[in-house]
Protein backbone atom coordinates (compact mmCIF):
# COMPACT_ATOMS: atom_id res chain seq x y z
CA ASP A 1 -1.39 40.50 6.80
CA ASN A 2 -3.50 38.19 9.00
CA THR A 3 -4.81 36.05 6.14
CA LEU A 4 -4.71 32.33 6.88
CA GLY A 5 -2.57 30.33 4.50
CA PHE A 6 -3.43 26.90 3.14
CA ASP A 7 -1.32 24.44 1.22
CA LYS A 8 -2.79 23.37 -2.11
CA ILE A 9 -2.91 19.74 -3.23
CA VAL A 10 -3.50 19.34 -6.96
CA LEU A 11 -4.81 15.91 -8.00
CA GLU A 12 -4.38 15.11 -11.67
CA GLN A 13 -5.38 12.34 -14.05
CA ARG A 14 -2.85 9.50 -14.10
CA ARG A 15 -3.63 6.41 -16.12
CA ALA A 16 -3.03 2.97 -14.68
CA ALA A 17 -3.60 0.02 -16.99
CA THR A 18 -3.04 -3.71 -17.37
CA ALA A 19 -3.68 -5.98 -20.33
CA VAL A 20 -3.73 -9.64 -21.29
CA GLU A 21 -3.94 -11.30 -24.71
CA LEU A 22 -6.00 -14.47 -25.17
CA THR A 23 -6.24 -16.66 -28.25
CA GLU A 24 -9.67 -17.27 -29.70
CA GLN A 25 -8.93 -21.02 -29.51
CA LEU A 26 -8.35 -20.75 -25.74
CA ILE A 27 -11.56 -18.77 -25.29
CA ASN A 28 -13.59 -21.27 -27.31
CA ASP A 29 -12.09 -24.46 -25.84
CA SER A 30 -11.76 -23.50 -22.19
CA GLY A 31 -13.98 -25.38 -19.76
CA ILE A 32 -14.43 -22.22 -17.68
CA ASN A 33 -15.31 -18.64 -18.51
CA ILE A 34 -11.71 -17.77 -19.26
CA VAL A 35 -12.52 -14.14 -20.06
CA GLN A 36 -14.13 -13.56 -16.66
CA TYR A 37 -11.24 -15.33 -14.98
CA ALA A 38 -8.78 -13.07 -16.79
CA VAL A 39 -10.78 -9.98 -15.79
CA ASN A 40 -10.63 -11.03 -12.13
CA VAL A 41 -6.86 -11.57 -12.34
CA MET A 42 -6.38 -8.20 -14.05
CA THR A 43 -8.48 -6.40 -11.45
CA LYS A 44 -6.35 -7.80 -8.63
CA ARG A 45 -3.16 -7.00 -10.55
CA LEU A 46 -4.25 -3.39 -11.09
CA ALA A 47 -5.20 -3.01 -7.43
CA ARG A 48 -1.78 -4.33 -6.34
CA GLU A 49 0.02 -1.91 -8.62
CA MET A 50 -2.00 1.02 -7.29
CA ASP A 51 -1.21 -0.07 -3.72
CA LYS A 52 2.46 -0.18 -4.71
CA SER A 53 2.25 3.31 -6.18
CA VAL A 54 0.69 4.68 -2.97
CA LEU A 55 3.70 3.33 -1.06
CA LYS A 56 6.59 3.72 -3.50
CA GLY A 57 5.32 5.91 -6.33
CA ASP A 58 7.28 8.74 -7.93
CA LYS A 59 5.05 11.68 -8.80
CA ASN A 60 7.72 12.98 -11.19
CA ALA A 61 7.40 9.74 -13.18
CA LYS A 62 3.63 10.16 -13.65
CA GLN A 63 2.83 7.88 -10.72
CA PHE A 64 1.07 8.52 -7.43
CA GLU A 65 3.09 10.33 -4.77
CA GLY A 66 4.55 7.54 -2.64
CA ILE A 67 4.39 7.57 1.14
CA LEU A 68 7.79 5.89 1.50
CA THR A 69 9.42 8.39 -0.84
CA SER A 70 8.28 11.34 1.27
CA THR A 71 11.18 13.59 2.24
CA VAL A 72 9.26 15.39 4.98
CA ALA A 73 7.66 12.62 7.03
CA GLU A 74 9.49 12.10 10.33
CA VAL A 75 11.73 9.13 11.07
CA VAL A 76 11.04 8.55 14.76
CA LYS A 77 13.39 5.65 15.43
CA GLU A 78 16.24 3.72 13.88
CA ILE A 79 16.42 0.08 14.95
CA ASN A 80 17.43 -3.25 13.45
CA PHE A 81 14.40 -5.47 14.04
CA ALA A 82 16.36 -8.61 13.22
CA THR A 83 18.85 -8.17 16.06
CA ALA A 84 17.02 -6.00 18.61
CA GLU A 85 15.59 -7.39 21.85
CA ASP A 86 11.82 -7.75 22.21
CA ALA A 87 11.62 -4.84 24.66
CA ASP A 88 13.48 -2.55 22.27
CA VAL A 89 11.24 -3.49 19.33
CA LEU A 90 8.13 -2.84 21.40
CA ASP A 91 9.54 0.48 22.62
CA ALA A 92 10.20 1.53 19.01
CA LEU A 93 6.60 0.73 18.03
CA LEU A 94 5.35 2.67 21.06
CA ASP A 95 7.59 5.65 20.26
CA VAL A 96 6.21 5.92 16.73
CA THR A 97 2.62 5.98 18.03
CA LEU A 98 3.51 8.62 20.61
CA ALA A 99 4.96 10.80 17.84
CA VAL A 100 1.51 11.15 16.23
CA HIS A 101 -0.92 13.78 17.46
CA PRO A 102 -3.75 12.15 19.48
CA ASP A 103 -6.33 13.50 17.01
CA LEU A 104 -4.69 11.42 14.26
CA LEU A 105 -4.35 8.13 16.15
CA ASP A 106 -7.86 6.81 15.51
CA GLY A 107 -7.55 4.68 12.37
CA ALA A 108 -3.75 4.75 12.20
CA VAL A 109 -2.13 1.44 11.23
CA PHE A 110 1.32 -0.14 11.08
CA VAL A 111 2.40 -1.01 7.53
CA VAL A 112 5.13 -3.66 7.33
CA ASN A 113 6.43 -6.41 5.09
CA ARG A 114 6.05 -10.10 5.92
CA ALA A 115 9.48 -10.48 7.57
CA THR A 116 8.92 -7.49 9.87
CA PHE A 117 5.45 -8.75 10.76
CA ASN A 118 6.89 -12.15 11.69
CA ARG A 119 9.38 -10.42 13.99
CA ILE A 120 6.67 -8.32 15.64
CA ALA A 121 4.49 -11.42 16.07
CA LYS A 122 7.16 -13.01 18.28
CA ILE A 123 7.42 -10.14 20.77
CA LYS A 124 6.81 -11.35 24.34
CA ASP A 125 6.51 -9.47 27.60
CA ALA A 126 8.51 -10.26 30.77
CA ASN A 127 6.03 -13.04 31.59
CA GLY A 128 6.41 -14.72 28.22
CA ASN A 129 3.05 -13.54 26.84
CA TYR A 130 2.85 -12.63 23.16
CA GLN A 131 1.95 -8.97 22.53
CA LEU A 132 0.26 -9.53 19.17
CA VAL A 133 -3.54 -9.60 19.43
CA LYS A 134 -5.83 -11.40 16.98
CA ASP A 135 -8.95 -9.45 16.08
CA VAL A 136 -11.68 -9.18 13.44
CA VAL A 137 -11.84 -6.04 11.30
CA ASN A 138 -14.65 -5.63 8.74
CA GLY A 139 -15.47 -9.31 9.13
CA LYS A 140 -11.93 -10.47 8.34
CA PRO A 141 -9.16 -11.76 10.63
CA ALA A 142 -6.68 -9.07 11.61
CA TYR A 143 -3.72 -8.55 13.93
CA LYS A 144 -3.12 -5.64 16.28
CA ILE A 145 -0.36 -4.45 18.56
CA LEU A 146 -0.57 -1.51 20.96
CA GLY A 147 -4.19 -1.19 19.85
CA HIS A 148 -3.40 -0.57 16.18
CA GLN A 149 -3.92 -2.89 13.22
CA ILE A 150 -0.92 -4.26 11.33
CA LEU A 151 -1.17 -4.30 7.53
CA ILE A 152 1.17 -6.67 5.69
CA GLN A 153 2.18 -5.16 2.35
CA ASP A 154 4.39 -7.09 -0.06
CA HIS A 155 5.71 -3.87 -1.58
CA MET A 156 6.87 -2.52 1.78
CA THR A 157 10.62 -2.05 2.23
CA GLY A 158 12.54 -2.89 5.40
CA ALA A 159 15.29 -5.40 4.71
CA GLY A 160 18.17 -3.17 3.62
CA ALA A 161 20.36 -0.74 5.52
CA GLY A 162 18.67 2.64 5.86
CA GLU A 163 15.33 1.35 4.54
CA ILE A 164 12.01 2.11 6.21
CA SER A 165 10.85 -0.99 8.08
CA VAL A 166 7.63 0.36 9.61
CA ALA A 167 5.29 3.08 8.41
CA PHE A 168 2.70 4.21 10.95
CA VAL A 169 0.00 5.92 8.90
CA ASN A 170 -3.48 7.31 9.27
CA PHE A 171 -4.40 7.00 5.59
CA ASP A 172 -7.63 8.98 5.88
CA ALA A 173 -5.75 11.99 7.21
CA ALA A 174 -2.43 11.49 5.43
CA TYR A 175 -3.36 10.70 1.85
CA ALA A 176 -5.71 12.20 -0.72
CA THR A 177 -6.97 10.17 -3.67
CA MET A 178 -9.11 11.01 -6.67
CA ILE A 179 -10.68 8.70 -9.24
CA LYS A 180 -11.40 10.74 -12.36
CA LYS A 181 -12.67 7.76 -14.34
CA GLY A 182 -13.49 4.39 -12.80
CA ALA A 183 -11.98 1.15 -14.02
CA SER A 184 -13.24 0.13 -17.46
CA MET A 185 -12.68 -3.02 -19.48
CA LYS A 186 -12.10 -3.00 -23.23
CA ARG A 187 -12.16 -6.10 -25.44
CA VAL A 188 -10.23 -5.55 -28.64
CA ASN A 189 -10.58 -8.19 -31.36
CA ALA A 190 -11.83 -6.40 -34.46
CA ASP A 191 -8.57 -4.62 -35.33
CA THR A 192 -6.39 -6.04 -38.11
CA LYS A 193 -3.58 -7.29 -35.84
CA ASN A 194 -5.83 -9.33 -33.53
CA ALA A 195 -8.10 -10.51 -36.31
CA LEU A 196 -5.20 -11.94 -38.32
CA ALA A 197 -3.58 -13.49 -35.22
CA GLY A 198 -6.81 -14.97 -33.92
CA THR A 199 -6.41 -13.23 -30.56
CA GLU A 200 -8.40 -10.95 -28.30
CA LEU A 201 -6.85 -8.22 -26.15
CA LEU A 202 -8.37 -7.44 -22.77
CA LEU A 203 -7.43 -3.99 -21.45
CA LEU A 204 -8.36 -2.70 -17.98
CA ASP A 205 -7.57 0.91 -17.14
CA ILE A 206 -8.42 3.61 -14.61
CA TYR A 207 -7.68 7.33 -14.33
CA ALA A 208 -6.79 8.38 -10.80
CA ASP A 209 -4.24 10.16 -8.64
CA GLY A 210 -2.93 10.16 -5.08
CA LYS A 211 -0.85 12.63 -3.09
CA ILE A 212 0.28 13.11 0.49
CA LEU A 213 -2.08 15.49 2.25
CA ASN A 214 -0.72 15.62 5.81
CA GLU A 215 2.82 14.48 6.62
CA GLU A 216 2.08 14.68 10.35
CA ALA A 217 -0.12 11.59 9.95
CA ILE A 218 2.90 9.59 8.70
CA LYS A 219 5.75 8.40 10.92
CA PHE A 220 8.56 5.98 10.15
CA ILE A 221 10.89 3.47 11.79
CA LYS A 222 13.90 2.54 9.68
CA ASN A 223 16.95 0.32 9.75
CA PRO A 224 20.24 2.00 10.68
CA ALA A 225 22.28 2.95 7.63
């Protein structure tokens, strides 16, 4: 049988939602458009939670499939960033880029938490020159090292023994996403509970899914156990 085989990725509908309850008195007395302010806060909150699910989600718990929870992506290096010498840290970052196929390098980024970024930012060469490069990406300030952008993600792991400290990922190649129904806002105030309490419920939800598409576009550095 010479038939080519292909892996199948099934994207489903998973609901992500956030809500906030406002009193009618607050809405009426506020000096700003408190409803629009709440919508903006909820939108950012929902985006953060979806980012977290992409990194740390558990598909068996009706979340996105998380990149950090992958059991097949390769751990290229184990190193303690807090105690390693600058040259060793830089070598580890170089090793993880060399582990990715050249076709997948364009667009690949380092994903780290704030503490790991601060350590990388202090790397110097033998002449005392910092290796971190300031750049502008999509009109916004950005940082690069070894030619690849560094993304600081609050939900990234990295502090504990055996935890992943750096994920080197080409998201376009590594991860598949689907939005079945875009984000929608519902204002609920006519039901009995809210009417009697004098409140209004704002509910923002979206139906989407995300799964790992290509593990070869994901490489890790982690702390020694």
